[in-house]
Amino acid sequence: MVQMFEVFRLLAALLAGSLIGFAFGTVQERALRRNQQRQASGELKNEWGVMSGSMKRVVWLMLALILVQVVCPLLFRDGTQWWVSGGVVVGYGMILFRRLRFKKSGSL
């Protein structure tokens, strides 16, 4: 029973991290497309204008991680936090992999 709870906790940590990473990657990709459109239309005069939005998105990522840590403290004890971090990498990596696949196929 204890081992089953441990497996469930690790899978929940991985899922929570994956959701956060996927959401962050989706927001980043949407911002990239918006900035590419702004650049193509001539609205983006200065590359530094992109930076302020990027920092806001990173702050939202950190707040999401803090919220998960406060709401689900079991996901952040006894080394489980590494599963959350791995989930973030997996979720964000899915977005990057999808973008790479589209780029290679010429869809972008």
C-alpha atoms as a PDB file:
ATOM      1  CA  MET A   1       0.000   0.000   0.000  1.00  0.00           C
ATOM      2  CA  VAL A   2       2.812   2.403   0.874  1.00  0.00           C
ATOM      3  CA  GLN A   3       4.641   1.635  -2.375  1.00  0.00           C
ATOM      4  CA  MET A   4       1.474   2.222  -4.373  1.00  0.00           C
ATOM      5  CA  PHE A   5       1.054   5.625  -2.720  1.00  0.00           C
ATOM      6  CA  GLU A   6       4.679   6.436  -3.531  1.00  0.00           C
ATOM      7  CA  VAL A   7       4.174   5.529  -7.215  1.00  0.00           C
ATOM      8  CA  PHE A   8       0.985   7.610  -7.303  1.00  0.00           C
ATOM      9  CA  ARG A   9       2.823  10.556  -5.734  1.00  0.00           C
ATOM     10  CA  LEU A  10       5.650  10.346  -8.282  1.00  0.00           C
ATOM     11  CA  LEU A  11       3.220  10.117 -11.195  1.00  0.00           C
ATOM     12  CA  ALA A  12       1.198  13.046  -9.813  1.00  0.00           C
ATOM     13  CA  ALA A  13       4.405  15.084  -9.526  1.00  0.00           C
ATOM     14  CA  LEU A  14       5.368  14.240 -13.088  1.00  0.00           C
ATOM     15  CA  LEU A  15       1.881  15.085 -14.350  1.00  0.00           C
ATOM     16  CA  ALA A  16       1.750  18.381 -12.452  1.00  0.00           C
ATOM     17  CA  GLY A  17       5.143  19.397 -13.792  1.00  0.00           C
ATOM     18  CA  SER A  18       4.206  18.333 -17.311  1.00  0.00           C
ATOM     19  CA  LEU A  19       1.046  20.418 -17.220  1.00  0.00           C
ATOM     20  CA  ILE A  20       2.963  23.447 -16.016  1.00  0.00           C
ATOM     21  CA  GLY A  21       5.695  22.963 -18.624  1.00  0.00           C
ATOM     22  CA  PHE A  22       3.170  22.401 -21.426  1.00  0.00           C
ATOM     23  CA  ALA A  23       1.175  25.484 -20.435  1.00  0.00           C
ATOM     24  CA  PHE A  24       4.329  27.608 -20.243  1.00  0.00           C
ATOM     25  CA  GLY A  25       5.524  26.305 -23.605  1.00  0.00           C
ATOM     26  CA  THR A  26       2.149  27.049 -25.175  1.00  0.00           C
ATOM     27  CA  VAL A  27       2.195  30.613 -23.835  1.00  0.00           C
ATOM     28  CA  GLN A  28       5.765  31.095 -25.055  1.00  0.00           C
ATOM     29  CA  GLU A  29       4.892  29.756 -28.517  1.00  0.00           C
ATOM     30  CA  ARG A  30       1.846  32.026 -28.757  1.00  0.00           C
ATOM     31  CA  ALA A  31       3.999  35.008 -27.774  1.00  0.00           C
ATOM     32  CA  LEU A  32       6.596  34.034 -30.383  1.00  0.00           C
ATOM     33  CA  ARG A  33       3.949  33.938 -33.104  1.00  0.00           C
ATOM     34  CA  ARG A  34       2.518  37.275 -31.992  1.00  0.00           C
ATOM     35  CA  ASN A  35       5.965  38.867 -32.033  1.00  0.00           C
ATOM     36  CA  GLN A  36       6.715  37.396 -35.468  1.00  0.00           C
ATOM     37  CA  GLN A  37       3.469  38.889 -36.765  1.00  0.00           C
ATOM     38  CA  ARG A  38       4.313  42.239 -35.181  1.00  0.00           C
ATOM     39  CA  GLN A  39       7.752  42.143 -36.775  1.00  0.00           C
ATOM     40  CA  ALA A  40       6.347  41.222 -40.200  1.00  0.00           C
ATOM     41  CA  SER A  41       3.797  44.044 -40.052  1.00  0.00           C
ATOM     42  CA  GLY A  42       6.412  46.561 -38.905  1.00  0.00           C
ATOM     43  CA  GLU A  43       4.842  47.153 -35.474  1.00  0.00           C
ATOM     44  CA  LEU A  44       7.874  45.767 -33.646  1.00  0.00           C
ATOM     45  CA  LYS A  45      10.431  48.522 -33.991  1.00  0.00           C
ATOM     46  CA  ASN A  46      12.692  47.507 -31.131  1.00  0.00           C
ATOM     47  CA  GLU A  47      13.767  43.995 -30.117  1.00  0.00           C
ATOM     48  CA  TRP A  48      13.833  45.080 -26.462  1.00  0.00           C
ATOM     49  CA  GLY A  49      10.050  45.332 -26.539  1.00  0.00           C
ATOM     50  CA  VAL A  50       9.908  41.536 -26.577  1.00  0.00           C
ATOM     51  CA  MET A  51      11.973  41.213 -23.403  1.00  0.00           C
ATOM     52  CA  SER A  52       9.470  42.763 -20.998  1.00  0.00           C
ATOM     53  CA  GLY A  53       6.775  40.274 -21.981  1.00  0.00           C
ATOM     54  CA  SER A  54       9.225  37.403 -21.641  1.00  0.00           C
ATOM     55  CA  MET A  55      10.037  38.305 -18.053  1.00  0.00           C
ATOM     56  CA  LYS A  56       6.331  38.457 -17.193  1.00  0.00           C
ATOM     57  CA  ARG A  57       5.852  34.963 -18.573  1.00  0.00           C
ATOM     58  CA  VAL A  58       8.763  33.639 -16.515  1.00  0.00           C
ATOM     59  CA  VAL A  59       7.277  35.249 -13.398  1.00  0.00           C
ATOM     60  CA  TRP A  60       3.972  33.479 -14.140  1.00  0.00           C
ATOM     61  CA  LEU A  61       5.870  30.187 -14.469  1.00  0.00           C
ATOM     62  CA  MET A  62       7.506  30.715 -11.082  1.00  0.00           C
ATOM     63  CA  LEU A  63       4.152  31.629  -9.510  1.00  0.00           C
ATOM     64  CA  ALA A  64       2.601  28.452 -10.936  1.00  0.00           C
ATOM     65  CA  LEU A  65       5.413  26.373  -9.434  1.00  0.00           C
ATOM     66  CA  ILE A  66       5.006  28.112  -6.065  1.00  0.00           C
ATOM     67  CA  LEU A  67       1.242  27.577  -6.185  1.00  0.00           C
ATOM     68  CA  VAL A  68       1.686  23.858  -6.828  1.00  0.00           C
ATOM     69  CA  GLN A  69       4.186  23.684  -3.987  1.00  0.00           C
ATOM     70  CA  VAL A  70       1.758  25.366  -1.567  1.00  0.00           C
ATOM     71  CA  VAL A  71      -1.361  23.484  -2.719  1.00  0.00           C
ATOM     72  CA  CYS A  72       0.336  20.065  -2.989  1.00  0.00           C
ATOM     73  CA  PRO A  73       3.185  19.924  -0.461  1.00  0.00           C
ATOM     74  CA  LEU A  74       3.426  16.142  -0.879  1.00  0.00           C
ATOM     75  CA  LEU A  75       4.872  16.736  -4.349  1.00  0.00           C
ATOM     76  CA  PHE A  76       7.818  18.587  -2.845  1.00  0.00           C
ATOM     77  CA  ARG A  77       9.279  16.281  -0.238  1.00  0.00           C
ATOM     78  CA  ASP A  78      11.703  13.378  -0.194  1.00  0.00           C
ATOM     79  CA  GLY A  79      13.120  14.106  -3.632  1.00  0.00           C
ATOM     80  CA  THR A  80       9.767  14.235  -5.414  1.00  0.00           C
ATOM     81  CA  GLN A  81      10.450  17.834  -6.447  1.00  0.00           C
ATOM     82  CA  TRP A  82      12.823  16.444  -9.071  1.00  0.00           C
ATOM     83  CA  TRP A  83       9.902  14.621 -10.652  1.00  0.00           C
ATOM     84  CA  VAL A  84       8.016  17.921 -10.846  1.00  0.00           C
ATOM     85  CA  SER A  85      11.071  19.534 -12.446  1.00  0.00           C
ATOM     86  CA  GLY A  86      11.397  16.625 -14.856  1.00  0.00           C
ATOM     87  CA  GLY A  87       7.730  17.025 -15.720  1.00  0.00           C
ATOM     88  CA  VAL A  88       8.278  20.701 -16.522  1.00  0.00           C
ATOM     89  CA  VAL A  89      11.095  19.688 -18.856  1.00  0.00           C
ATOM     90  CA  VAL A  90       8.925  17.012 -20.491  1.00  0.00           C
ATOM     91  CA  GLY A  91       5.948  19.361 -20.930  1.00  0.00           C
ATOM     92  CA  TYR A  92       8.012  22.204 -22.356  1.00  0.00           C
ATOM     93  CA  GLY A  93      10.026  19.736 -24.426  1.00  0.00           C
ATOM     94  CA  MET A  94       6.830  18.477 -26.053  1.00  0.00           C
ATOM     95  CA  ILE A  95       6.136  21.991 -27.344  1.00  0.00           C
ATOM     96  CA  LEU A  96       9.708  22.413 -28.578  1.00  0.00           C
ATOM     97  CA  PHE A  97       9.694  19.001 -30.245  1.00  0.00           C
ATOM     98  CA  ARG A  98       6.395  19.754 -31.983  1.00  0.00           C
ATOM     99  CA  ARG A  99       7.784  23.081 -33.220  1.00  0.00           C
ATOM    100  CA  LEU A 100      10.958  21.374 -34.486  1.00  0.00           C
ATOM    101  CA  ARG A 101       8.913  18.730 -36.292  1.00  0.00           C
ATOM    102  CA  PHE A 102       6.775  21.416 -37.990  1.00  0.00           C
ATOM    103  CA  LYS A 103       9.862  23.386 -38.912  1.00  0.00           C
ATOM    104  CA  LYS A 104      11.500  20.347 -40.496  1.00  0.00           C
ATOM    105  CA  SER A 105       8.350  19.548 -42.470  1.00  0.00           C
ATOM    106  CA  GLY A 106       8.193  23.136 -43.744  1.00  0.00           C
ATOM    107  CA  SER A 107       4.864  23.965 -42.096  1.00  0.00           C
ATOM    108  CA  LEU A 108       6.249  26.968 -40.221  1.00  0.00           C
END
